[in-house]
Amino acid sequence: MNDTEIVDLYWKREERAVEETARKYGGYCYSIAYGILSNHEDSEESVNDTYIEAWNAIPPHRPLLLSSFLGKITRRIAIDKWRSDHAQKRGGGEIAGVLDELKECVAYEDSAERHLEKQMLAQAINDFLGTLSAAERKVFVCRYFYMNSVETVCKKFGYSESKVKSILFRLREKLRIYLQKEGLQ
């Protein structure tokens, strides 16, 4: 079943929409959640919460790219779960490292007053990604959106660890400069 047909099922409020979503995107959503949480049960829970949130969001929202829509929901839910689980402690796992790497470029303060700034920041980061080569963009997204380990990025693209770390360092520096020029840092 294609994405348009699945979204149409949501609009018709047919429960089969969730089944079709799970069949087509369950593995994709699970891999996003597991990359952040490194826990099977929590990842499954995040994926199930994704289906609930998609059900509540469609309608009124009609996503243009269902995979991206679901991926963003899953990522946010998994990050919220990780933050909740690590509120009192600073545990291991990949997310702490990823957030530490980006802290000089992007502030992670979460408040209602910063909602507009977050939207502007998201747009600026998307614009920044458009300035990168395809290879740089893939490495950046793999590390900072999907929160894959450096080791996973190395395996995925066939790069050495030092090359990946070097690319990521240069990209963070480019992002910091880009955000300064945009007045967002």
N, C-alpha and C. Protein backbone atom coordinates (compact mmCIF):
# COMPACT_ATOMS: atom_id res chain seq x y z
N MET A 1 0.85 -1.17 0.00
CA MET A 1 0.00 0.00 0.00
C MET A 1 0.90 1.24 0.00
N ASN A 2 0.57 2.22 -0.83
CA ASN A 2 1.42 3.41 -0.88
C ASN A 2 1.02 4.41 0.21
N ASP A 3 1.87 5.41 0.39
CA ASP A 3 1.67 6.38 1.48
C ASP A 3 0.36 7.14 1.36
N THR A 4 -0.01 7.53 0.16
CA THR A 4 -1.26 8.27 -0.04
C THR A 4 -2.45 7.44 0.42
N GLU A 5 -2.44 6.16 0.09
CA GLU A 5 -3.53 5.28 0.51
C GLU A 5 -3.57 5.13 2.03
N ILE A 6 -2.40 5.04 2.64
CA ILE A 6 -2.35 4.93 4.10
C ILE A 6 -2.89 6.20 4.75
N VAL A 7 -2.46 7.36 4.25
CA VAL A 7 -2.94 8.63 4.81
C VAL A 7 -4.46 8.75 4.60
N ASP A 8 -4.95 8.30 3.47
CA ASP A 8 -6.40 8.32 3.23
C ASP A 8 -7.15 7.48 4.26
N LEU A 9 -6.55 6.35 4.66
CA LEU A 9 -7.16 5.52 5.70
C LEU A 9 -7.26 6.28 7.02
N TYR A 10 -6.21 7.02 7.35
CA TYR A 10 -6.26 7.86 8.56
C TYR A 10 -7.39 8.87 8.45
N TRP A 11 -7.50 9.52 7.30
CA TRP A 11 -8.54 10.54 7.11
C TRP A 11 -9.93 9.94 7.23
N LYS A 12 -10.08 8.68 6.83
CA LYS A 12 -11.37 7.99 6.94
C LYS A 12 -11.57 7.40 8.33
N ARG A 13 -10.53 7.54 9.19
CA ARG A 13 -10.53 7.04 10.56
C ARG A 13 -10.69 5.52 10.61
N GLU A 14 -10.06 4.85 9.65
CA GLU A 14 -10.07 3.39 9.61
C GLU A 14 -8.87 2.87 10.39
N GLU A 15 -9.12 1.99 11.35
CA GLU A 15 -8.05 1.45 12.19
C GLU A 15 -7.00 0.70 11.38
N ARG A 16 -7.35 0.26 10.21
CA ARG A 16 -6.40 -0.43 9.35
C ARG A 16 -5.21 0.48 8.99
N ALA A 17 -5.38 1.78 9.13
CA ALA A 17 -4.29 2.72 8.85
C ALA A 17 -3.09 2.42 9.73
N VAL A 18 -3.34 2.12 10.99
CA VAL A 18 -2.26 1.82 11.92
C VAL A 18 -1.59 0.51 11.54
N GLU A 19 -2.37 -0.48 11.16
CA GLU A 19 -1.81 -1.77 10.74
C GLU A 19 -0.92 -1.60 9.51
N GLU A 20 -1.38 -0.83 8.55
CA GLU A 20 -0.60 -0.61 7.33
C GLU A 20 0.66 0.20 7.63
N THR A 21 0.54 1.16 8.53
CA THR A 21 1.70 1.95 8.94
C THR A 21 2.73 1.05 9.60
N ALA A 22 2.27 0.18 10.48
CA ALA A 22 3.18 -0.75 11.17
C ALA A 22 3.85 -1.69 10.17
N ARG A 23 3.10 -2.16 9.22
CA ARG A 23 3.65 -3.09 8.24
C ARG A 23 4.73 -2.42 7.39
N LYS A 24 4.46 -1.19 6.97
CA LYS A 24 5.39 -0.52 6.06
C LYS A 24 6.53 0.20 6.79
N TYR A 25 6.24 0.81 7.94
CA TYR A 25 7.23 1.66 8.60
C TYR A 25 7.62 1.22 10.01
N GLY A 26 7.12 0.09 10.46
CA GLY A 26 7.44 -0.36 11.82
C GLY A 26 8.93 -0.54 12.04
N GLY A 27 9.60 -1.20 11.12
CA GLY A 27 11.04 -1.42 11.25
C GLY A 27 11.82 -0.12 11.21
N TYR A 28 11.42 0.78 10.34
CA TYR A 28 12.07 2.08 10.22
C TYR A 28 11.95 2.86 11.53
N CYS A 29 10.75 2.91 12.07
CA CYS A 29 10.53 3.65 13.32
C CYS A 29 11.28 2.98 14.48
N TYR A 30 11.26 1.65 14.49
CA TYR A 30 11.97 0.94 15.56
C TYR A 30 13.47 1.24 15.50
N SER A 31 14.05 1.28 14.31
CA SER A 31 15.49 1.53 14.21
C SER A 31 15.83 2.93 14.71
N ILE A 32 14.96 3.89 14.47
CA ILE A 32 15.19 5.25 14.99
C ILE A 32 15.14 5.23 16.51
N ALA A 33 14.09 4.64 17.06
CA ALA A 33 13.93 4.61 18.51
C ALA A 33 15.06 3.83 19.18
N TYR A 34 15.44 2.69 18.62
CA TYR A 34 16.48 1.87 19.22
C TYR A 34 17.84 2.57 19.15
N GLY A 35 18.07 3.33 18.09
CA GLY A 35 19.31 4.08 17.98
C GLY A 35 19.46 5.10 19.08
N ILE A 36 18.36 5.58 19.60
CA ILE A 36 18.38 6.57 20.68
C ILE A 36 18.33 5.90 22.05
N LEU A 37 17.49 4.90 22.18
CA LEU A 37 17.23 4.32 23.50
C LEU A 37 18.07 3.08 23.83
N SER A 38 18.51 2.35 22.83
CA SER A 38 19.28 1.12 23.03
C SER A 38 18.58 0.14 23.97
N ASN A 39 17.27 0.09 23.87
CA ASN A 39 16.48 -0.78 24.73
C ASN A 39 15.27 -1.26 23.93
N HIS A 40 15.10 -2.58 23.84
CA HIS A 40 14.04 -3.14 23.01
C HIS A 40 12.64 -2.70 23.47
N GLU A 41 12.37 -2.85 24.75
CA GLU A 41 11.02 -2.55 25.26
C GLU A 41 10.69 -1.06 25.10
N ASP A 42 11.62 -0.20 25.46
CA ASP A 42 11.39 1.23 25.32
C ASP A 42 11.22 1.63 23.86
N SER A 43 11.97 0.97 22.98
CA SER A 43 11.86 1.27 21.55
C SER A 43 10.50 0.85 21.02
N GLU A 44 10.04 -0.34 21.43
CA GLU A 44 8.70 -0.81 21.01
C GLU A 44 7.62 0.14 21.52
N GLU A 45 7.76 0.59 22.76
CA GLU A 45 6.80 1.53 23.33
C GLU A 45 6.80 2.84 22.55
N SER A 46 7.97 3.32 22.17
CA SER A 46 8.07 4.55 21.40
C SER A 46 7.40 4.41 20.03
N VAL A 47 7.58 3.26 19.41
CA VAL A 47 6.95 3.02 18.11
C VAL A 47 5.43 2.98 18.26
N ASN A 48 4.94 2.31 19.29
CA ASN A 48 3.49 2.28 19.52
C ASN A 48 2.95 3.68 19.81
N ASP A 49 3.71 4.47 20.56
CA ASP A 49 3.30 5.86 20.81
C ASP A 49 3.31 6.67 19.52
N THR A 50 4.20 6.33 18.61
CA THR A 50 4.23 7.00 17.30
C THR A 50 2.93 6.76 16.56
N TYR A 51 2.44 5.52 16.58
CA TYR A 51 1.18 5.21 15.90
C TYR A 51 0.02 5.99 16.51
N ILE A 52 0.01 6.08 17.82
CA ILE A 52 -1.06 6.84 18.49
C ILE A 52 -0.99 8.30 18.09
N GLU A 53 0.22 8.86 18.11
CA GLU A 53 0.36 10.27 17.77
C GLU A 53 0.01 10.53 16.30
N ALA A 54 0.38 9.61 15.42
CA ALA A 54 0.02 9.75 14.01
C ALA A 54 -1.51 9.71 13.87
N TRP A 55 -2.15 8.81 14.59
CA TRP A 55 -3.61 8.71 14.56
C TRP A 55 -4.26 10.02 15.00
N ASN A 56 -3.69 10.64 16.02
CA ASN A 56 -4.25 11.90 16.53
C ASN A 56 -3.91 13.10 15.65
N ALA A 57 -2.84 13.00 14.89
CA ALA A 57 -2.40 14.15 14.07
C ALA A 57 -3.00 14.14 12.66
N ILE A 58 -3.39 12.95 12.17
CA ILE A 58 -3.95 12.83 10.83
C ILE A 58 -5.41 12.42 10.98
N PRO A 59 -6.41 13.15 10.58
CA PRO A 59 -6.35 14.58 10.31
C PRO A 59 -6.18 15.36 11.60
N PRO A 60 -5.94 16.61 11.54
CA PRO A 60 -6.08 17.56 10.44
C PRO A 60 -4.85 17.66 9.54
N HIS A 61 -3.71 17.16 10.01
CA HIS A 61 -2.49 17.27 9.22
C HIS A 61 -2.47 16.20 8.14
N ARG A 62 -2.03 16.56 6.95
CA ARG A 62 -1.85 15.58 5.87
C ARG A 62 -0.38 15.62 5.46
N PRO A 63 0.41 14.68 5.98
CA PRO A 63 1.86 14.70 5.70
C PRO A 63 2.15 14.45 4.22
N LEU A 64 3.10 15.20 3.70
CA LEU A 64 3.51 15.03 2.31
C LEU A 64 4.40 13.80 2.16
N LEU A 65 5.22 13.54 3.17
CA LEU A 65 6.12 12.39 3.14
C LEU A 65 5.91 11.62 4.45
N LEU A 66 5.16 10.55 4.38
CA LEU A 66 4.76 9.82 5.57
C LEU A 66 5.96 9.29 6.35
N SER A 67 6.97 8.80 5.65
CA SER A 67 8.14 8.26 6.36
C SER A 67 8.82 9.34 7.20
N SER A 68 8.98 10.52 6.65
CA SER A 68 9.60 11.62 7.37
C SER A 68 8.73 12.04 8.56
N PHE A 69 7.44 12.12 8.34
CA PHE A 69 6.49 12.49 9.38
C PHE A 69 6.59 11.51 10.56
N LEU A 70 6.57 10.22 10.26
CA LEU A 70 6.66 9.19 11.30
C LEU A 70 8.03 9.19 11.96
N GLY A 71 9.07 9.39 11.17
CA GLY A 71 10.43 9.42 11.72
C GLY A 71 10.61 10.55 12.72
N LYS A 72 10.07 11.72 12.40
CA LYS A 72 10.18 12.86 13.32
C LYS A 72 9.42 12.59 14.62
N ILE A 73 8.24 12.02 14.49
CA ILE A 73 7.46 11.70 15.69
C ILE A 73 8.22 10.69 16.55
N THR A 74 8.70 9.63 15.93
CA THR A 74 9.42 8.58 16.67
C THR A 74 10.65 9.15 17.35
N ARG A 75 11.39 9.96 16.62
CA ARG A 75 12.62 10.56 17.17
C ARG A 75 12.30 11.42 18.39
N ARG A 76 11.28 12.27 18.29
CA ARG A 76 10.90 13.14 19.41
C ARG A 76 10.45 12.32 20.61
N ILE A 77 9.63 11.31 20.37
CA ILE A 77 9.14 10.47 21.46
C ILE A 77 10.31 9.75 22.14
N ALA A 78 11.21 9.20 21.35
CA ALA A 78 12.36 8.47 21.91
C ALA A 78 13.27 9.41 22.70
N ILE A 79 13.52 10.60 22.17
CA ILE A 79 14.35 11.57 22.90
C ILE A 79 13.68 11.98 24.20
N ASP A 80 12.37 12.22 24.17
CA ASP A 80 11.64 12.56 25.40
C ASP A 80 11.73 11.42 26.41
N LYS A 81 11.62 10.20 25.93
CA LYS A 81 11.73 9.03 26.81
C LYS A 81 13.13 8.95 27.40
N TRP A 82 14.13 9.17 26.56
CA TRP A 82 15.51 9.13 27.04
C TRP A 82 15.73 10.22 28.09
N ARG A 83 15.27 11.42 27.82
CA ARG A 83 15.44 12.53 28.78
C ARG A 83 14.74 12.22 30.09
N SER A 84 13.55 11.66 30.00
CA SER A 84 12.80 11.30 31.21
C SER A 84 13.56 10.25 32.02
N ASP A 85 14.07 9.25 31.34
CA ASP A 85 14.80 8.18 32.03
C ASP A 85 16.12 8.64 32.61
N HIS A 86 16.71 9.70 32.04
CA HIS A 86 18.03 10.17 32.48
C HIS A 86 17.98 11.53 33.17
N ALA A 87 16.82 11.90 33.66
CA ALA A 87 16.67 13.21 34.29
C ALA A 87 17.56 13.37 35.51
N GLN A 88 17.75 12.31 36.26
CA GLN A 88 18.55 12.39 37.48
C GLN A 88 20.00 11.98 37.27
N LYS A 89 20.27 11.30 36.18
CA LYS A 89 21.63 10.82 35.97
C LYS A 89 22.06 11.07 34.54
N ARG A 90 23.33 11.10 34.35
CA ARG A 90 23.88 11.29 33.02
C ARG A 90 24.45 9.95 32.59
N GLY A 91 23.63 9.15 31.94
CA GLY A 91 24.01 7.80 31.60
C GLY A 91 24.87 7.72 30.35
N GLY A 92 25.20 6.50 30.00
CA GLY A 92 25.94 6.24 28.78
C GLY A 92 25.01 6.40 27.60
N GLY A 93 25.17 5.60 26.59
CA GLY A 93 24.31 5.69 25.43
C GLY A 93 24.77 6.77 24.49
N GLU A 94 24.24 6.75 23.32
CA GLU A 94 24.70 7.63 22.26
C GLU A 94 24.15 9.04 22.37
N ILE A 95 22.95 9.20 22.89
CA ILE A 95 22.31 10.51 22.87
C ILE A 95 23.09 11.53 23.70
N ALA A 96 23.64 11.12 24.83
CA ALA A 96 24.41 12.07 25.64
C ALA A 96 25.60 12.60 24.86
N GLY A 97 26.29 11.72 24.17
CA GLY A 97 27.43 12.14 23.35
C GLY A 97 27.03 13.06 22.21
N VAL A 98 25.93 12.73 21.56
CA VAL A 98 25.47 13.55 20.44
C VAL A 98 25.10 14.95 20.94
N LEU A 99 24.35 15.01 22.03
CA LEU A 99 23.96 16.31 22.56
C LEU A 99 25.17 17.11 23.03
N ASP A 100 26.15 16.43 23.62
CA ASP A 100 27.37 17.12 24.04
C ASP A 100 28.12 17.69 22.84
N GLU A 101 28.18 16.92 21.75
CA GLU A 101 28.88 17.39 20.55
C GLU A 101 28.24 18.65 19.99
N LEU A 102 26.93 18.73 20.05
CA LEU A 102 26.23 19.86 19.44
C LEU A 102 25.98 21.03 20.39
N LYS A 103 26.32 20.87 21.66
CA LYS A 103 25.94 21.91 22.63
C LYS A 103 26.57 23.27 22.34
N GLU A 104 27.72 23.31 21.68
CA GLU A 104 28.33 24.59 21.35
C GLU A 104 27.62 25.29 20.20
N CYS A 105 26.88 24.53 19.41
CA CYS A 105 26.18 25.09 18.26
C CYS A 105 24.72 25.39 18.56
N VAL A 106 24.08 24.51 19.31
CA VAL A 106 22.64 24.56 19.47
C VAL A 106 22.29 24.42 20.94
N ALA A 107 21.46 25.32 21.45
CA ALA A 107 20.99 25.23 22.83
C ALA A 107 19.79 24.29 22.88
N TYR A 108 19.68 23.49 23.95
CA TYR A 108 18.61 22.52 24.07
C TYR A 108 17.60 22.88 25.16
N GLU A 109 17.57 24.12 25.56
CA GLU A 109 16.62 24.55 26.57
C GLU A 109 15.20 24.34 26.04
N ASP A 110 14.32 23.85 26.88
CA ASP A 110 12.97 23.52 26.44
C ASP A 110 11.95 24.36 27.21
N SER A 111 11.43 25.41 26.56
CA SER A 111 10.42 26.24 27.19
C SER A 111 9.47 26.76 26.12
N ALA A 112 8.29 27.14 26.54
CA ALA A 112 7.27 27.63 25.61
C ALA A 112 7.74 28.89 24.89
N GLU A 113 8.50 29.73 25.58
CA GLU A 113 8.97 30.99 24.99
C GLU A 113 9.92 30.75 23.82
N ARG A 114 10.56 29.61 23.81
CA ARG A 114 11.56 29.33 22.77
C ARG A 114 10.98 28.61 21.56
N HIS A 115 9.68 28.42 21.52
CA HIS A 115 9.07 27.67 20.42
C HIS A 115 9.38 28.28 19.06
N LEU A 116 9.22 29.59 18.94
CA LEU A 116 9.51 30.25 17.66
C LEU A 116 10.99 30.14 17.32
N GLU A 117 11.85 30.32 18.32
CA GLU A 117 13.29 30.18 18.09
C GLU A 117 13.64 28.78 17.61
N LYS A 118 12.97 27.78 18.17
CA LYS A 118 13.22 26.40 17.75
C LYS A 118 12.83 26.21 16.28
N GLN A 119 11.71 26.79 15.90
CA GLN A 119 11.28 26.68 14.51
C GLN A 119 12.28 27.36 13.59
N MET A 120 12.76 28.52 13.99
CA MET A 120 13.75 29.24 13.18
C MET A 120 15.05 28.45 13.12
N LEU A 121 15.44 27.85 14.23
CA LEU A 121 16.65 27.05 14.28
C LEU A 121 16.52 25.82 13.37
N ALA A 122 15.36 25.17 13.43
CA ALA A 122 15.14 24.00 12.57
C ALA A 122 15.25 24.38 11.10
N GLN A 123 14.66 25.52 10.74
CA GLN A 123 14.74 25.97 9.35
C GLN A 123 16.18 26.31 8.97
N ALA A 124 16.91 26.94 9.88
CA ALA A 124 18.31 27.29 9.60
C ALA A 124 19.16 26.03 9.42
N ILE A 125 18.91 25.02 10.24
CA ILE A 125 19.67 23.77 10.11
C ILE A 125 19.34 23.09 8.78
N ASN A 126 18.06 23.10 8.41
CA ASN A 126 17.69 22.55 7.10
C ASN A 126 18.39 23.31 5.97
N ASP A 127 18.41 24.63 6.08
CA ASP A 127 19.10 25.44 5.07
C ASP A 127 20.60 25.13 5.06
N PHE A 128 21.18 24.97 6.24
CA PHE A 128 22.59 24.63 6.35
C PHE A 128 22.87 23.29 5.66
N LEU A 129 22.01 22.31 5.88
CA LEU A 129 22.20 21.00 5.25
C LEU A 129 22.20 21.12 3.73
N GLY A 130 21.45 22.08 3.21
CA GLY A 130 21.43 22.30 1.77
C GLY A 130 22.74 22.83 1.23
N THR A 131 23.59 23.36 2.09
CA THR A 131 24.89 23.89 1.64
C THR A 131 25.96 22.81 1.61
N LEU A 132 25.67 21.64 2.17
CA LEU A 132 26.66 20.58 2.29
C LEU A 132 26.65 19.66 1.06
N SER A 133 27.75 18.98 0.86
CA SER A 133 27.79 17.94 -0.17
C SER A 133 26.89 16.80 0.28
N ALA A 134 26.51 15.94 -0.65
CA ALA A 134 25.65 14.81 -0.31
C ALA A 134 26.30 13.93 0.76
N ALA A 135 27.59 13.69 0.64
CA ALA A 135 28.29 12.83 1.60
C ALA A 135 28.30 13.47 2.99
N GLU A 136 28.60 14.76 3.06
CA GLU A 136 28.61 15.45 4.35
C GLU A 136 27.22 15.43 4.97
N ARG A 137 26.20 15.70 4.16
CA ARG A 137 24.82 15.74 4.65
C ARG A 137 24.43 14.37 5.22
N LYS A 138 24.79 13.30 4.52
CA LYS A 138 24.44 11.96 5.00
C LYS A 138 25.11 11.64 6.32
N VAL A 139 26.38 12.00 6.46
CA VAL A 139 27.11 11.75 7.71
C VAL A 139 26.47 12.56 8.84
N PHE A 140 26.18 13.83 8.58
CA PHE A 140 25.58 14.71 9.59
C PHE A 140 24.23 14.16 10.05
N VAL A 141 23.36 13.81 9.11
CA VAL A 141 22.03 13.32 9.45
C VAL A 141 22.12 11.98 10.18
N CYS A 142 23.00 11.12 9.71
CA CYS A 142 23.16 9.81 10.35
C CYS A 142 23.56 9.97 11.81
N ARG A 143 24.46 10.90 12.08
CA ARG A 143 24.93 11.11 13.46
C ARG A 143 23.96 11.94 14.29
N TYR A 144 23.50 13.07 13.75
CA TYR A 144 22.78 14.02 14.59
C TYR A 144 21.26 13.94 14.49
N PHE A 145 20.72 13.30 13.47
CA PHE A 145 19.27 13.09 13.45
C PHE A 145 18.95 11.69 13.94
N TYR A 146 19.61 10.68 13.34
CA TYR A 146 19.34 9.31 13.75
C TYR A 146 20.14 8.91 14.98
N MET A 147 21.09 9.73 15.39
CA MET A 147 21.89 9.54 16.60
C MET A 147 22.64 8.21 16.58
N ASN A 148 23.17 7.87 15.41
CA ASN A 148 23.99 6.66 15.30
C ASN A 148 25.35 6.91 15.92
N SER A 149 25.96 5.85 16.40
CA SER A 149 27.30 5.95 16.95
C SER A 149 28.29 6.26 15.84
N VAL A 150 29.45 6.78 16.20
CA VAL A 150 30.50 7.03 15.22
C VAL A 150 30.86 5.72 14.53
N GLU A 151 30.90 4.65 15.29
CA GLU A 151 31.22 3.33 14.73
C GLU A 151 30.21 2.94 13.65
N THR A 152 28.93 3.18 13.91
CA THR A 152 27.89 2.86 12.93
C THR A 152 28.05 3.71 11.68
N VAL A 153 28.35 4.99 11.86
CA VAL A 153 28.57 5.88 10.72
C VAL A 153 29.74 5.37 9.88
N CYS A 154 30.81 4.96 10.55
CA CYS A 154 31.98 4.41 9.85
C CYS A 154 31.60 3.21 8.99
N LYS A 155 30.87 2.29 9.58
CA LYS A 155 30.45 1.08 8.87
C LYS A 155 29.53 1.42 7.70
N LYS A 156 28.63 2.33 7.94
CA LYS A 156 27.63 2.67 6.93
C LYS A 156 28.27 3.29 5.68
N PHE A 157 29.30 4.11 5.88
CA PHE A 157 29.88 4.84 4.75
C PHE A 157 31.27 4.36 4.37
N GLY A 158 31.81 3.38 5.11
CA GLY A 158 33.12 2.84 4.78
C GLY A 158 34.27 3.78 5.09
N TYR A 159 34.09 4.65 6.07
CA TYR A 159 35.12 5.60 6.47
C TYR A 159 35.82 5.10 7.73
N SER A 160 37.04 5.58 7.94
CA SER A 160 37.74 5.28 9.20
C SER A 160 37.13 6.14 10.31
N GLU A 161 37.39 5.73 11.53
CA GLU A 161 36.87 6.49 12.67
C GLU A 161 37.44 7.91 12.68
N SER A 162 38.73 8.04 12.38
CA SER A 162 39.33 9.38 12.40
C SER A 162 38.72 10.27 11.31
N LYS A 163 38.40 9.68 10.17
CA LYS A 163 37.78 10.48 9.10
C LYS A 163 36.39 10.95 9.52
N VAL A 164 35.60 10.06 10.10
CA VAL A 164 34.26 10.44 10.54
C VAL A 164 34.33 11.52 11.61
N LYS A 165 35.20 11.34 12.57
CA LYS A 165 35.34 12.35 13.64
C LYS A 165 35.79 13.69 13.06
N SER A 166 36.67 13.65 12.10
CA SER A 166 37.14 14.87 11.45
C SER A 166 36.01 15.55 10.68
N ILE A 167 35.25 14.78 9.93
CA ILE A 167 34.11 15.33 9.18
C ILE A 167 33.12 15.96 10.14
N LEU A 168 32.79 15.25 11.22
CA LEU A 168 31.82 15.77 12.19
C LEU A 168 32.33 17.04 12.87
N PHE A 169 33.60 17.08 13.20
CA PHE A 169 34.17 18.27 13.82
C PHE A 169 34.05 19.46 12.87
N ARG A 170 34.44 19.26 11.61
CA ARG A 170 34.36 20.35 10.62
C ARG A 170 32.91 20.79 10.40
N LEU A 171 31.99 19.84 10.37
CA LEU A 171 30.59 20.18 10.16
C LEU A 171 30.01 20.95 11.34
N ARG A 172 30.38 20.57 12.55
CA ARG A 172 29.91 21.33 13.72
C ARG A 172 30.43 22.75 13.68
N GLU A 173 31.68 22.91 13.28
CA GLU A 173 32.26 24.24 13.19
C GLU A 173 31.55 25.06 12.11
N LYS A 174 31.30 24.44 10.95
CA LYS A 174 30.56 25.12 9.88
C LYS A 174 29.16 25.51 10.36
N LEU A 175 28.51 24.60 11.09
CA LEU A 175 27.17 24.89 11.61
C LEU A 175 27.21 26.04 12.59
N ARG A 176 28.18 26.04 13.49
CA ARG A 176 28.30 27.13 14.46
C ARG A 176 28.45 28.47 13.75
N ILE A 177 29.31 28.54 12.75
CA ILE A 177 29.53 29.78 11.98
C ILE A 177 28.25 30.16 11.22
N TYR A 178 27.61 29.18 10.62
CA TYR A 178 26.37 29.44 9.87
C TYR A 178 25.30 30.02 10.79
N LEU A 179 25.13 29.42 11.97
CA LEU A 179 24.12 29.91 12.90
C LEU A 179 24.46 31.29 13.45
N GLN A 180 25.75 31.58 13.62
CA GLN A 180 26.14 32.93 14.03
C GLN A 180 25.76 33.95 12.97
N LYS A 181 26.02 33.62 11.71
CA LYS A 181 25.67 34.53 10.61
C LYS A 181 24.16 34.76 10.54
N GLU A 182 23.40 33.72 10.89
CA GLU A 182 21.94 33.82 10.86
C GLU A 182 21.39 34.48 12.14
N GLY A 183 22.26 34.79 13.09
CA GLY A 183 21.84 35.42 14.34
C GLY A 183 21.13 34.47 15.28
N LEU A 184 21.42 33.19 15.17
CA LEU A 184 20.75 32.20 16.00
C LEU A 184 21.66 31.58 17.04
N GLN A 185 22.80 32.17 17.26
CA GLN A 185 23.68 31.63 18.29
C GLN A 185 24.25 32.75 19.13
